[in-house]
N, C-alpha and C. Protein backbone atom coordinates (compact mmCIF):
# COMPACT_ATOMS: atom_id res chain seq x y z
N UNK A 1 -23.76 -26.42 -16.92
CA UNK A 1 -23.57 -25.07 -17.42
C UNK A 1 -24.90 -24.48 -17.86
N UNK A 2 -25.09 -23.24 -17.47
CA UNK A 2 -26.31 -22.53 -17.81
C UNK A 2 -25.95 -21.38 -18.75
N UNK A 3 -26.97 -20.80 -19.32
CA UNK A 3 -26.74 -19.73 -20.30
C UNK A 3 -26.71 -18.36 -19.66
N UNK A 4 -25.94 -17.49 -20.24
CA UNK A 4 -25.94 -16.07 -19.97
C UNK A 4 -25.89 -15.64 -18.52
N UNK A 5 -26.86 -14.81 -18.11
CA UNK A 5 -26.81 -14.19 -16.78
C UNK A 5 -26.84 -15.19 -15.63
N UNK A 6 -27.52 -16.31 -15.80
CA UNK A 6 -27.57 -17.32 -14.72
C UNK A 6 -26.17 -17.87 -14.48
N UNK A 7 -25.46 -18.23 -15.53
CA UNK A 7 -24.11 -18.76 -15.36
C UNK A 7 -23.16 -17.68 -14.84
N UNK A 8 -23.36 -16.44 -15.30
CA UNK A 8 -22.54 -15.34 -14.79
C UNK A 8 -22.73 -15.18 -13.29
N UNK A 9 -24.00 -15.26 -12.82
CA UNK A 9 -24.28 -15.16 -11.39
C UNK A 9 -23.63 -16.30 -10.63
N UNK A 10 -23.76 -17.52 -11.13
CA UNK A 10 -23.14 -18.68 -10.48
C UNK A 10 -21.63 -18.50 -10.41
N UNK A 11 -21.02 -18.03 -11.48
CA UNK A 11 -19.57 -17.82 -11.50
C UNK A 11 -19.15 -16.77 -10.47
N UNK A 12 -19.89 -15.67 -10.41
CA UNK A 12 -19.55 -14.61 -9.45
C UNK A 12 -19.73 -15.07 -8.01
N UNK A 13 -20.82 -15.78 -7.74
CA UNK A 13 -21.05 -16.31 -6.38
C UNK A 13 -19.96 -17.31 -6.01
N UNK A 14 -19.51 -18.09 -6.97
CA UNK A 14 -18.46 -19.08 -6.73
C UNK A 14 -17.11 -18.46 -6.41
N UNK A 15 -16.94 -17.20 -6.71
CA UNK A 15 -15.69 -16.51 -6.37
C UNK A 15 -15.65 -16.08 -4.91
N UNK A 16 -16.79 -16.10 -4.23
CA UNK A 16 -16.83 -15.72 -2.81
C UNK A 16 -16.13 -16.78 -1.97
N UNK A 17 -15.46 -16.37 -0.89
CA UNK A 17 -14.77 -17.35 -0.05
C UNK A 17 -15.76 -18.31 0.60
N UNK A 18 -15.44 -19.59 0.55
CA UNK A 18 -16.27 -20.60 1.19
C UNK A 18 -17.48 -21.03 0.38
N UNK A 19 -17.64 -20.48 -0.82
CA UNK A 19 -18.77 -20.85 -1.67
C UNK A 19 -18.24 -21.66 -2.85
N UNK A 20 -18.57 -22.95 -2.85
CA UNK A 20 -18.15 -23.82 -3.94
C UNK A 20 -19.15 -23.77 -5.08
N UNK A 21 -18.91 -24.54 -6.14
CA UNK A 21 -19.80 -24.52 -7.31
C UNK A 21 -21.24 -24.92 -6.98
N UNK A 22 -21.42 -25.95 -6.17
CA UNK A 22 -22.78 -26.39 -5.82
C UNK A 22 -23.51 -25.35 -4.99
N UNK A 23 -22.81 -24.78 -4.01
CA UNK A 23 -23.43 -23.74 -3.18
C UNK A 23 -23.77 -22.52 -4.03
N UNK A 24 -22.89 -22.15 -4.94
CA UNK A 24 -23.13 -21.00 -5.82
C UNK A 24 -24.38 -21.25 -6.66
N UNK A 25 -24.53 -22.46 -7.15
CA UNK A 25 -25.70 -22.81 -7.95
C UNK A 25 -26.98 -22.73 -7.10
N UNK A 26 -26.93 -23.26 -5.87
CA UNK A 26 -28.09 -23.20 -4.98
C UNK A 26 -28.49 -21.77 -4.66
N UNK A 27 -27.50 -20.94 -4.37
CA UNK A 27 -27.78 -19.53 -4.05
C UNK A 27 -28.37 -18.83 -5.27
N UNK A 28 -27.80 -19.09 -6.45
CA UNK A 28 -28.29 -18.45 -7.68
C UNK A 28 -29.75 -18.80 -7.92
N UNK A 29 -30.12 -20.06 -7.78
CA UNK A 29 -31.50 -20.45 -8.03
C UNK A 29 -32.43 -19.97 -6.91
N UNK A 30 -31.90 -19.82 -5.71
CA UNK A 30 -32.70 -19.21 -4.64
C UNK A 30 -33.00 -17.76 -4.99
N UNK A 31 -32.00 -17.05 -5.47
CA UNK A 31 -32.18 -15.64 -5.85
C UNK A 31 -33.15 -15.51 -7.03
N UNK A 32 -33.10 -16.44 -7.96
CA UNK A 32 -34.02 -16.40 -9.10
C UNK A 32 -35.47 -16.58 -8.66
N UNK A 33 -35.68 -17.37 -7.61
CA UNK A 33 -37.03 -17.63 -7.12
C UNK A 33 -37.50 -16.59 -6.11
N UNK A 34 -36.60 -15.73 -5.64
CA UNK A 34 -36.94 -14.76 -4.59
C UNK A 34 -37.84 -13.65 -5.13
N UNK A 35 -38.57 -13.05 -4.21
CA UNK A 35 -39.43 -11.91 -4.55
C UNK A 35 -38.54 -10.71 -4.94
N UNK A 36 -39.04 -9.88 -5.84
CA UNK A 36 -38.26 -8.69 -6.23
C UNK A 36 -37.88 -7.79 -5.04
N UNK A 37 -38.76 -7.71 -4.04
CA UNK A 37 -38.45 -6.88 -2.86
C UNK A 37 -37.25 -7.44 -2.10
N UNK A 38 -37.16 -8.77 -2.04
CA UNK A 38 -36.02 -9.40 -1.36
C UNK A 38 -34.71 -9.11 -2.10
N UNK A 39 -34.77 -9.19 -3.41
CA UNK A 39 -33.59 -8.90 -4.23
C UNK A 39 -33.20 -7.43 -4.07
N UNK A 40 -34.19 -6.56 -4.02
CA UNK A 40 -33.93 -5.13 -3.84
C UNK A 40 -33.23 -4.84 -2.51
N UNK A 41 -33.68 -5.51 -1.43
CA UNK A 41 -33.04 -5.32 -0.13
C UNK A 41 -31.59 -5.82 -0.15
N UNK A 42 -31.36 -6.94 -0.83
CA UNK A 42 -29.99 -7.46 -0.94
C UNK A 42 -29.11 -6.49 -1.72
N UNK A 43 -29.64 -5.97 -2.82
CA UNK A 43 -28.87 -4.99 -3.61
C UNK A 43 -28.56 -3.75 -2.79
N UNK A 44 -29.55 -3.28 -2.04
CA UNK A 44 -29.35 -2.09 -1.20
C UNK A 44 -28.29 -2.34 -0.13
N UNK A 45 -28.36 -3.52 0.50
CA UNK A 45 -27.39 -3.85 1.55
C UNK A 45 -25.98 -3.91 0.98
N UNK A 46 -25.82 -4.53 -0.19
CA UNK A 46 -24.50 -4.61 -0.82
C UNK A 46 -23.99 -3.22 -1.19
N UNK A 47 -24.88 -2.37 -1.71
CA UNK A 47 -24.48 -1.02 -2.09
C UNK A 47 -24.09 -0.19 -0.87
N UNK A 48 -24.86 -0.34 0.23
CA UNK A 48 -24.55 0.40 1.46
C UNK A 48 -23.19 -0.03 2.02
N UNK A 49 -22.88 -1.32 1.96
CA UNK A 49 -21.58 -1.79 2.43
C UNK A 49 -20.47 -1.18 1.59
N UNK A 50 -20.67 -1.19 0.30
CA UNK A 50 -19.63 -0.66 -0.60
C UNK A 50 -19.46 0.85 -0.44
N UNK A 51 -20.58 1.56 -0.26
CA UNK A 51 -20.53 3.02 -0.19
C UNK A 51 -20.28 3.56 1.22
N UNK A 52 -20.79 2.86 2.24
CA UNK A 52 -20.81 3.44 3.58
C UNK A 52 -19.83 2.90 4.58
N UNK A 53 -19.20 1.78 4.29
CA UNK A 53 -18.27 1.20 5.24
C UNK A 53 -16.85 1.65 4.91
N UNK A 54 -16.17 2.14 5.93
CA UNK A 54 -14.79 2.58 5.78
C UNK A 54 -13.93 1.82 6.79
N UNK A 55 -12.65 2.02 6.72
CA UNK A 55 -11.75 1.43 7.69
C UNK A 55 -11.33 2.50 8.68
N UNK A 56 -11.34 2.15 9.96
CA UNK A 56 -11.00 3.08 11.03
C UNK A 56 -9.60 3.65 10.80
N UNK A 57 -9.48 4.96 10.93
CA UNK A 57 -8.19 5.63 10.76
C UNK A 57 -7.17 5.20 11.82
N UNK A 58 -7.66 4.80 12.99
CA UNK A 58 -6.76 4.45 14.09
C UNK A 58 -6.32 2.99 14.01
N UNK A 59 -7.30 2.07 13.96
CA UNK A 59 -6.96 0.65 14.09
C UNK A 59 -7.11 -0.17 12.82
N UNK A 60 -7.86 0.33 11.84
CA UNK A 60 -8.03 -0.42 10.59
C UNK A 60 -9.24 -1.34 10.59
N UNK A 61 -10.05 -1.31 11.65
CA UNK A 61 -11.25 -2.13 11.70
C UNK A 61 -12.32 -1.51 10.79
N UNK A 62 -13.32 -2.32 10.40
CA UNK A 62 -14.41 -1.76 9.60
C UNK A 62 -15.25 -0.86 10.48
N UNK A 63 -15.78 0.20 9.88
CA UNK A 63 -16.51 1.18 10.65
C UNK A 63 -17.44 1.96 9.73
N UNK A 64 -18.47 2.55 10.34
CA UNK A 64 -19.35 3.43 9.58
C UNK A 64 -18.84 4.87 9.62
N UNK A 65 -17.87 5.13 10.50
CA UNK A 65 -17.29 6.46 10.65
C UNK A 65 -15.77 6.37 10.51
N UNK A 66 -15.10 7.51 10.52
CA UNK A 66 -13.64 7.49 10.35
C UNK A 66 -12.92 6.86 11.54
N UNK A 67 -13.55 6.88 12.72
CA UNK A 67 -13.00 6.20 13.90
C UNK A 67 -14.04 5.21 14.39
N UNK A 68 -13.63 3.97 14.60
CA UNK A 68 -14.59 2.92 14.96
C UNK A 68 -15.09 3.07 16.40
N UNK A 69 -16.13 2.33 16.71
CA UNK A 69 -16.77 2.35 18.02
C UNK A 69 -15.78 1.98 19.13
N UNK A 70 -14.91 1.02 18.89
CA UNK A 70 -13.96 0.57 19.91
C UNK A 70 -12.92 1.65 20.19
N UNK A 71 -12.39 2.27 19.15
CA UNK A 71 -11.39 3.33 19.35
C UNK A 71 -11.99 4.58 20.00
N UNK A 72 -13.28 4.81 19.80
CA UNK A 72 -13.94 5.96 20.43
C UNK A 72 -14.32 5.71 21.89
N UNK A 73 -14.33 4.45 22.32
CA UNK A 73 -14.80 4.10 23.66
C UNK A 73 -13.77 4.51 24.72
N UNK A 74 -14.09 5.48 25.59
CA UNK A 74 -13.13 5.94 26.59
C UNK A 74 -12.85 4.92 27.69
N UNK A 75 -13.68 3.88 27.77
CA UNK A 75 -13.47 2.84 28.80
C UNK A 75 -12.39 1.83 28.39
N UNK A 76 -11.98 1.87 27.16
CA UNK A 76 -10.95 0.93 26.68
C UNK A 76 -9.58 1.30 27.23
N UNK A 77 -8.79 0.26 27.50
CA UNK A 77 -7.44 0.42 28.04
C UNK A 77 -6.49 0.84 26.92
N UNK A 78 -5.99 2.07 27.00
CA UNK A 78 -5.09 2.60 25.97
C UNK A 78 -3.71 1.95 26.00
N UNK A 79 -3.36 1.29 27.09
CA UNK A 79 -2.02 0.72 27.24
C UNK A 79 -1.89 -0.65 26.60
N UNK A 80 -2.98 -1.19 26.07
CA UNK A 80 -3.02 -2.57 25.58
C UNK A 80 -3.55 -2.60 24.16
N UNK A 81 -2.76 -3.16 23.23
CA UNK A 81 -3.20 -3.30 21.84
C UNK A 81 -3.12 -4.76 21.43
N UNK A 82 -4.22 -5.26 20.88
CA UNK A 82 -4.28 -6.63 20.35
C UNK A 82 -4.17 -6.54 18.83
N UNK A 83 -3.14 -7.17 18.27
CA UNK A 83 -2.89 -7.12 16.83
C UNK A 83 -3.51 -8.35 16.18
N UNK A 84 -4.42 -8.12 15.24
CA UNK A 84 -5.09 -9.20 14.53
C UNK A 84 -4.88 -9.04 13.03
N UNK A 85 -5.18 -10.10 12.28
CA UNK A 85 -4.99 -10.04 10.83
C UNK A 85 -6.13 -9.32 10.12
N UNK A 86 -7.37 -9.66 10.46
CA UNK A 86 -8.54 -9.18 9.72
C UNK A 86 -9.60 -8.62 10.66
N UNK A 87 -10.52 -7.78 10.16
CA UNK A 87 -11.59 -7.27 11.01
C UNK A 87 -12.44 -8.37 11.65
N UNK A 88 -12.61 -9.50 10.98
CA UNK A 88 -13.39 -10.59 11.56
C UNK A 88 -12.74 -11.14 12.82
N UNK A 89 -11.43 -10.99 12.95
CA UNK A 89 -10.72 -11.44 14.15
C UNK A 89 -11.03 -10.56 15.35
N UNK A 90 -11.33 -9.28 15.11
CA UNK A 90 -11.73 -8.38 16.19
C UNK A 90 -13.01 -8.91 16.83
N UNK A 91 -13.96 -9.28 15.99
CA UNK A 91 -15.22 -9.81 16.50
C UNK A 91 -15.01 -11.09 17.30
N UNK A 92 -14.11 -11.95 16.84
CA UNK A 92 -13.83 -13.19 17.55
C UNK A 92 -13.29 -12.91 18.95
N UNK A 93 -12.38 -11.96 19.07
CA UNK A 93 -11.81 -11.62 20.38
C UNK A 93 -12.88 -10.92 21.23
N UNK A 94 -13.66 -10.03 20.64
CA UNK A 94 -14.70 -9.32 21.38
C UNK A 94 -15.73 -10.28 21.97
N UNK A 95 -16.04 -11.35 21.26
CA UNK A 95 -17.02 -12.32 21.76
C UNK A 95 -16.58 -12.96 23.07
N UNK A 96 -15.28 -13.01 23.34
CA UNK A 96 -14.80 -13.61 24.59
C UNK A 96 -15.13 -12.74 25.80
N UNK A 97 -15.31 -11.45 25.58
CA UNK A 97 -15.55 -10.46 26.63
C UNK A 97 -14.41 -10.42 27.66
N UNK A 98 -13.22 -10.83 27.25
CA UNK A 98 -12.05 -10.87 28.13
C UNK A 98 -11.09 -9.72 27.87
N UNK A 99 -11.11 -9.18 26.65
CA UNK A 99 -10.14 -8.17 26.26
C UNK A 99 -10.75 -6.78 26.36
N UNK A 100 -10.08 -5.89 27.08
CA UNK A 100 -10.60 -4.54 27.31
C UNK A 100 -9.73 -3.45 26.69
N UNK A 101 -8.75 -3.84 25.90
CA UNK A 101 -7.87 -2.86 25.27
C UNK A 101 -8.39 -2.44 23.90
N UNK A 102 -7.48 -2.02 23.06
CA UNK A 102 -7.81 -1.61 21.70
C UNK A 102 -7.16 -2.58 20.72
N UNK A 103 -7.51 -2.43 19.46
CA UNK A 103 -7.05 -3.36 18.43
C UNK A 103 -6.19 -2.66 17.39
N UNK A 104 -5.49 -3.50 16.63
CA UNK A 104 -4.82 -3.03 15.42
C UNK A 104 -4.99 -4.13 14.38
N UNK A 105 -5.66 -3.81 13.28
CA UNK A 105 -5.93 -4.77 12.22
C UNK A 105 -4.87 -4.59 11.14
N UNK A 106 -4.12 -5.65 10.89
CA UNK A 106 -3.03 -5.58 9.90
C UNK A 106 -3.53 -5.57 8.46
N UNK A 107 -4.67 -6.20 8.22
CA UNK A 107 -5.17 -6.31 6.85
C UNK A 107 -4.65 -7.53 6.13
N UNK A 108 -4.23 -8.53 6.89
CA UNK A 108 -3.72 -9.77 6.31
C UNK A 108 -2.52 -10.27 7.08
N UNK A 109 -1.80 -11.19 6.45
CA UNK A 109 -0.60 -11.77 7.05
C UNK A 109 0.49 -11.83 5.99
N UNK A 110 1.73 -11.87 6.45
CA UNK A 110 2.85 -11.98 5.51
C UNK A 110 2.72 -13.27 4.70
N UNK A 111 2.82 -13.14 3.39
CA UNK A 111 2.74 -14.29 2.50
C UNK A 111 3.53 -13.97 1.24
N UNK A 112 4.85 -14.14 1.30
CA UNK A 112 5.70 -13.76 0.16
C UNK A 112 5.32 -14.46 -1.15
N UNK A 113 4.82 -15.69 -1.06
CA UNK A 113 4.45 -16.41 -2.28
C UNK A 113 3.26 -15.75 -2.99
N UNK A 114 2.42 -15.07 -2.24
CA UNK A 114 1.29 -14.35 -2.83
C UNK A 114 1.57 -12.87 -3.00
N UNK A 115 2.81 -12.45 -2.73
CA UNK A 115 3.19 -11.06 -2.92
C UNK A 115 2.79 -10.14 -1.78
N UNK A 116 2.51 -10.70 -0.59
CA UNK A 116 2.14 -9.88 0.56
C UNK A 116 3.35 -9.75 1.47
N UNK A 117 3.93 -8.56 1.46
CA UNK A 117 5.08 -8.27 2.31
C UNK A 117 4.69 -7.26 3.38
N UNK A 118 5.65 -6.83 4.19
CA UNK A 118 5.36 -5.87 5.26
C UNK A 118 4.74 -4.57 4.76
N UNK A 119 5.09 -4.13 3.56
CA UNK A 119 4.55 -2.87 3.04
C UNK A 119 3.08 -2.97 2.64
N UNK A 120 2.58 -4.19 2.44
CA UNK A 120 1.17 -4.37 2.09
C UNK A 120 0.29 -4.46 3.33
N UNK A 121 0.89 -4.56 4.50
CA UNK A 121 0.15 -4.66 5.76
C UNK A 121 0.26 -3.34 6.52
N UNK A 122 -0.54 -3.18 7.56
CA UNK A 122 -0.57 -1.95 8.35
C UNK A 122 0.44 -2.04 9.51
N UNK A 123 1.64 -2.46 9.21
CA UNK A 123 2.67 -2.59 10.24
C UNK A 123 3.25 -1.22 10.58
N UNK A 124 3.49 -0.39 9.59
CA UNK A 124 4.02 0.95 9.83
C UNK A 124 3.08 1.76 10.74
N UNK A 125 1.77 1.62 10.50
CA UNK A 125 0.79 2.33 11.33
C UNK A 125 0.82 1.83 12.77
N UNK A 126 1.07 0.53 12.95
CA UNK A 126 1.19 -0.02 14.31
C UNK A 126 2.38 0.60 15.03
N UNK A 127 3.50 0.67 14.34
CA UNK A 127 4.70 1.22 14.96
C UNK A 127 4.51 2.68 15.36
N UNK A 128 3.76 3.44 14.58
CA UNK A 128 3.53 4.85 14.94
C UNK A 128 2.54 4.98 16.10
N UNK A 129 1.70 3.97 16.33
CA UNK A 129 0.75 4.02 17.45
C UNK A 129 1.42 3.79 18.79
N UNK A 130 2.58 3.16 18.76
CA UNK A 130 3.25 2.82 20.02
C UNK A 130 3.99 4.05 20.52
N UNK A 131 3.47 4.64 21.55
CA UNK A 131 4.11 5.79 22.17
C UNK A 131 4.35 5.49 23.63
N UNK A 132 4.28 6.49 24.43
CA UNK A 132 4.50 6.30 25.86
C UNK A 132 3.32 5.63 26.53
N UNK A 133 2.14 5.64 25.90
CA UNK A 133 0.94 5.08 26.52
C UNK A 133 0.88 3.55 26.45
N UNK A 134 1.43 2.93 25.42
CA UNK A 134 1.25 1.50 25.20
C UNK A 134 2.28 0.71 26.00
N UNK A 135 1.78 -0.23 26.83
CA UNK A 135 2.65 -1.09 27.65
C UNK A 135 2.78 -2.50 27.08
N UNK A 136 1.72 -2.96 26.39
CA UNK A 136 1.73 -4.35 25.92
C UNK A 136 1.08 -4.46 24.55
N UNK A 137 1.70 -5.26 23.70
CA UNK A 137 1.15 -5.64 22.41
C UNK A 137 0.88 -7.14 22.46
N UNK A 138 -0.37 -7.52 22.21
CA UNK A 138 -0.73 -8.94 22.15
C UNK A 138 -0.82 -9.30 20.67
N UNK A 139 -0.02 -10.23 20.24
CA UNK A 139 -0.06 -10.66 18.84
C UNK A 139 -1.04 -11.82 18.74
N UNK A 140 -2.12 -11.60 17.98
CA UNK A 140 -3.18 -12.59 17.86
C UNK A 140 -3.38 -12.98 16.40
N UNK A 141 -2.28 -13.25 15.71
CA UNK A 141 -2.37 -13.71 14.32
C UNK A 141 -2.73 -15.19 14.32
N UNK A 142 -3.21 -15.66 13.17
CA UNK A 142 -3.62 -17.06 13.05
C UNK A 142 -2.45 -18.00 13.29
N UNK A 143 -2.72 -19.18 13.88
CA UNK A 143 -1.65 -20.15 14.13
C UNK A 143 -1.34 -21.01 12.90
N UNK A 144 -1.07 -20.35 11.78
CA UNK A 144 -0.66 -21.06 10.56
C UNK A 144 0.69 -20.50 10.11
N UNK A 145 1.19 -20.96 8.99
CA UNK A 145 2.51 -20.55 8.53
C UNK A 145 2.60 -19.03 8.35
N UNK A 146 1.61 -18.44 7.69
CA UNK A 146 1.64 -17.00 7.45
C UNK A 146 1.50 -16.22 8.76
N UNK A 147 0.60 -16.67 9.64
CA UNK A 147 0.40 -16.00 10.91
C UNK A 147 1.63 -16.06 11.80
N UNK A 148 2.30 -17.21 11.79
CA UNK A 148 3.53 -17.36 12.59
C UNK A 148 4.64 -16.48 12.03
N UNK A 149 4.74 -16.42 10.70
CA UNK A 149 5.76 -15.56 10.07
C UNK A 149 5.49 -14.09 10.41
N UNK A 150 4.22 -13.71 10.40
CA UNK A 150 3.85 -12.33 10.74
C UNK A 150 4.19 -12.04 12.19
N UNK A 151 3.86 -12.98 13.08
CA UNK A 151 4.15 -12.79 14.52
C UNK A 151 5.64 -12.65 14.75
N UNK A 152 6.43 -13.49 14.11
CA UNK A 152 7.89 -13.43 14.26
C UNK A 152 8.43 -12.10 13.76
N UNK A 153 7.93 -11.63 12.62
CA UNK A 153 8.35 -10.34 12.08
C UNK A 153 8.00 -9.21 13.04
N UNK A 154 6.78 -9.25 13.58
CA UNK A 154 6.35 -8.19 14.51
C UNK A 154 7.20 -8.18 15.77
N UNK A 155 7.53 -9.35 16.29
CA UNK A 155 8.37 -9.42 17.49
C UNK A 155 9.72 -8.76 17.22
N UNK A 156 10.29 -9.03 16.05
CA UNK A 156 11.58 -8.41 15.70
C UNK A 156 11.45 -6.89 15.60
N UNK A 157 10.33 -6.41 15.07
CA UNK A 157 10.14 -4.96 14.90
C UNK A 157 9.84 -4.27 16.24
N UNK A 158 9.23 -4.99 17.17
CA UNK A 158 8.76 -4.37 18.42
C UNK A 158 9.72 -4.52 19.60
N UNK A 159 10.70 -5.40 19.49
CA UNK A 159 11.52 -5.71 20.67
C UNK A 159 12.40 -4.56 21.13
N UNK A 160 12.64 -3.59 20.29
CA UNK A 160 13.53 -2.48 20.67
C UNK A 160 12.79 -1.31 21.32
N UNK A 161 11.45 -1.40 21.44
CA UNK A 161 10.70 -0.33 22.12
C UNK A 161 10.88 -0.48 23.62
N UNK A 162 11.42 0.53 24.30
CA UNK A 162 11.67 0.41 25.75
C UNK A 162 10.35 0.31 26.53
N UNK A 163 10.33 -0.63 27.48
CA UNK A 163 9.18 -0.79 28.36
C UNK A 163 7.97 -1.45 27.72
N UNK A 164 8.11 -1.96 26.50
CA UNK A 164 7.00 -2.59 25.80
C UNK A 164 7.08 -4.10 25.96
N UNK A 165 5.99 -4.71 26.42
CA UNK A 165 5.89 -6.16 26.51
C UNK A 165 5.17 -6.67 25.28
N UNK A 166 5.74 -7.66 24.61
CA UNK A 166 5.11 -8.26 23.44
C UNK A 166 4.75 -9.69 23.81
N UNK A 167 3.45 -10.02 23.70
CA UNK A 167 2.99 -11.37 24.03
C UNK A 167 2.27 -11.97 22.82
N UNK A 168 2.10 -13.28 22.87
CA UNK A 168 1.43 -14.02 21.80
C UNK A 168 0.30 -14.80 22.44
N UNK A 169 -0.84 -14.88 21.76
CA UNK A 169 -1.93 -15.69 22.28
C UNK A 169 -1.45 -17.11 22.52
N UNK A 170 -1.89 -17.69 23.62
CA UNK A 170 -1.57 -19.09 23.89
C UNK A 170 -2.32 -19.96 22.89
N UNK A 171 -1.75 -21.10 22.58
CA UNK A 171 -2.46 -22.05 21.71
C UNK A 171 -2.33 -23.42 22.35
N UNK A 172 -3.30 -24.23 22.09
CA UNK A 172 -3.28 -25.56 22.70
C UNK A 172 -4.57 -26.29 22.50
N UNK A 173 -4.95 -27.04 23.51
CA UNK A 173 -6.11 -27.92 23.40
C UNK A 173 -7.42 -27.16 23.61
N UNK A 174 -8.43 -27.50 22.83
CA UNK A 174 -9.74 -26.86 23.03
C UNK A 174 -10.43 -27.45 24.27
N UNK A 175 -11.30 -26.66 24.87
CA UNK A 175 -12.08 -27.15 26.00
C UNK A 175 -12.96 -28.31 25.53
N UNK A 176 -12.99 -29.36 26.31
CA UNK A 176 -13.81 -30.52 25.97
C UNK A 176 -13.14 -31.46 24.99
N UNK A 177 -11.91 -31.18 24.60
CA UNK A 177 -11.20 -32.04 23.65
C UNK A 177 -10.52 -33.21 24.34
N UNK A 178 -10.23 -34.24 23.60
CA UNK A 178 -9.53 -35.42 24.12
C UNK A 178 -8.09 -35.39 23.64
N UNK A 179 -7.17 -35.75 24.54
CA UNK A 179 -5.74 -35.77 24.19
C UNK A 179 -5.46 -36.69 23.02
N UNK A 180 -6.13 -37.83 22.97
CA UNK A 180 -5.83 -38.81 21.93
C UNK A 180 -6.11 -38.30 20.52
N UNK A 181 -6.99 -37.28 20.40
CA UNK A 181 -7.34 -36.75 19.08
C UNK A 181 -6.55 -35.51 18.71
N UNK A 182 -5.72 -35.01 19.62
CA UNK A 182 -4.93 -33.80 19.34
C UNK A 182 -3.74 -34.16 18.44
N UNK A 183 -3.47 -33.30 17.47
CA UNK A 183 -2.29 -33.52 16.63
C UNK A 183 -1.03 -33.14 17.42
N UNK A 184 0.12 -33.57 16.92
CA UNK A 184 1.38 -33.38 17.64
C UNK A 184 1.72 -31.92 17.85
N UNK A 185 1.48 -31.09 16.83
CA UNK A 185 1.82 -29.67 16.92
C UNK A 185 0.97 -28.99 17.99
N UNK A 186 -0.32 -29.26 18.00
CA UNK A 186 -1.22 -28.65 18.99
C UNK A 186 -0.85 -29.11 20.39
N UNK A 187 -0.62 -30.39 20.56
CA UNK A 187 -0.26 -30.93 21.87
C UNK A 187 1.09 -30.38 22.32
N UNK A 188 2.05 -30.26 21.38
CA UNK A 188 3.36 -29.70 21.71
C UNK A 188 3.25 -28.26 22.16
N UNK A 189 2.40 -27.47 21.51
CA UNK A 189 2.22 -26.07 21.91
C UNK A 189 1.52 -25.99 23.26
N UNK A 190 0.60 -26.89 23.50
CA UNK A 190 -0.10 -26.90 24.78
C UNK A 190 0.90 -27.20 25.90
N UNK A 191 1.83 -28.12 25.65
CA UNK A 191 2.84 -28.46 26.66
C UNK A 191 3.80 -27.29 26.90
N UNK A 192 4.26 -26.68 25.82
CA UNK A 192 5.23 -25.58 26.00
C UNK A 192 4.57 -24.33 26.58
N UNK A 193 3.27 -24.17 26.39
CA UNK A 193 2.57 -23.00 26.90
C UNK A 193 1.86 -23.26 28.22
N UNK A 194 2.24 -24.34 28.91
CA UNK A 194 1.54 -24.68 30.16
C UNK A 194 1.76 -23.60 31.21
N UNK A 195 0.86 -23.54 32.19
CA UNK A 195 0.96 -22.55 33.26
C UNK A 195 0.73 -23.22 34.59
N UNK A 196 1.26 -22.65 35.64
CA UNK A 196 1.10 -23.22 36.98
C UNK A 196 -0.32 -22.97 37.48
N UNK A 197 -0.76 -23.83 38.36
CA UNK A 197 -2.13 -23.71 38.89
C UNK A 197 -2.08 -23.61 40.40
């Protein structure tokens, strides 16, 4: 335990996701040793994020403008929407360079134990986006309990839209993985999601 501002900094850094007590302490002492100009740039970057980043009015992704770069892109397929939980998931899908449609960011996943229900997510906005233009919704929520619950809820909400196909990302074995190291759930999903060649 340290005194005053140093301990306060360690405590605040430790509240960040993925930063444990030891990492928070290392970062705090790195910041203490840093040049004032470096600290100033970090402060400016944090302030710019807080002041200048908004969520896209259309899809909910992070953006510097009211409509994000992806939603403004006329080359994107308007008939295809990929539903993800968080803005970081948009980047993950974009890195594949396989998806050419648009996105819808829910802002989380259903988690009743933490008080996150359908009204806390951007599900209503998704339903209003589905008009005559949208042919397919790809549900790309995380393959965990909350993500599966969210996917199941979305399927129930979307199945009554005429002419709309609702799909779920396939899950299974990673490239380069060995069968002997796969857990039963992953291997079971890989078997049920198999495709002809």
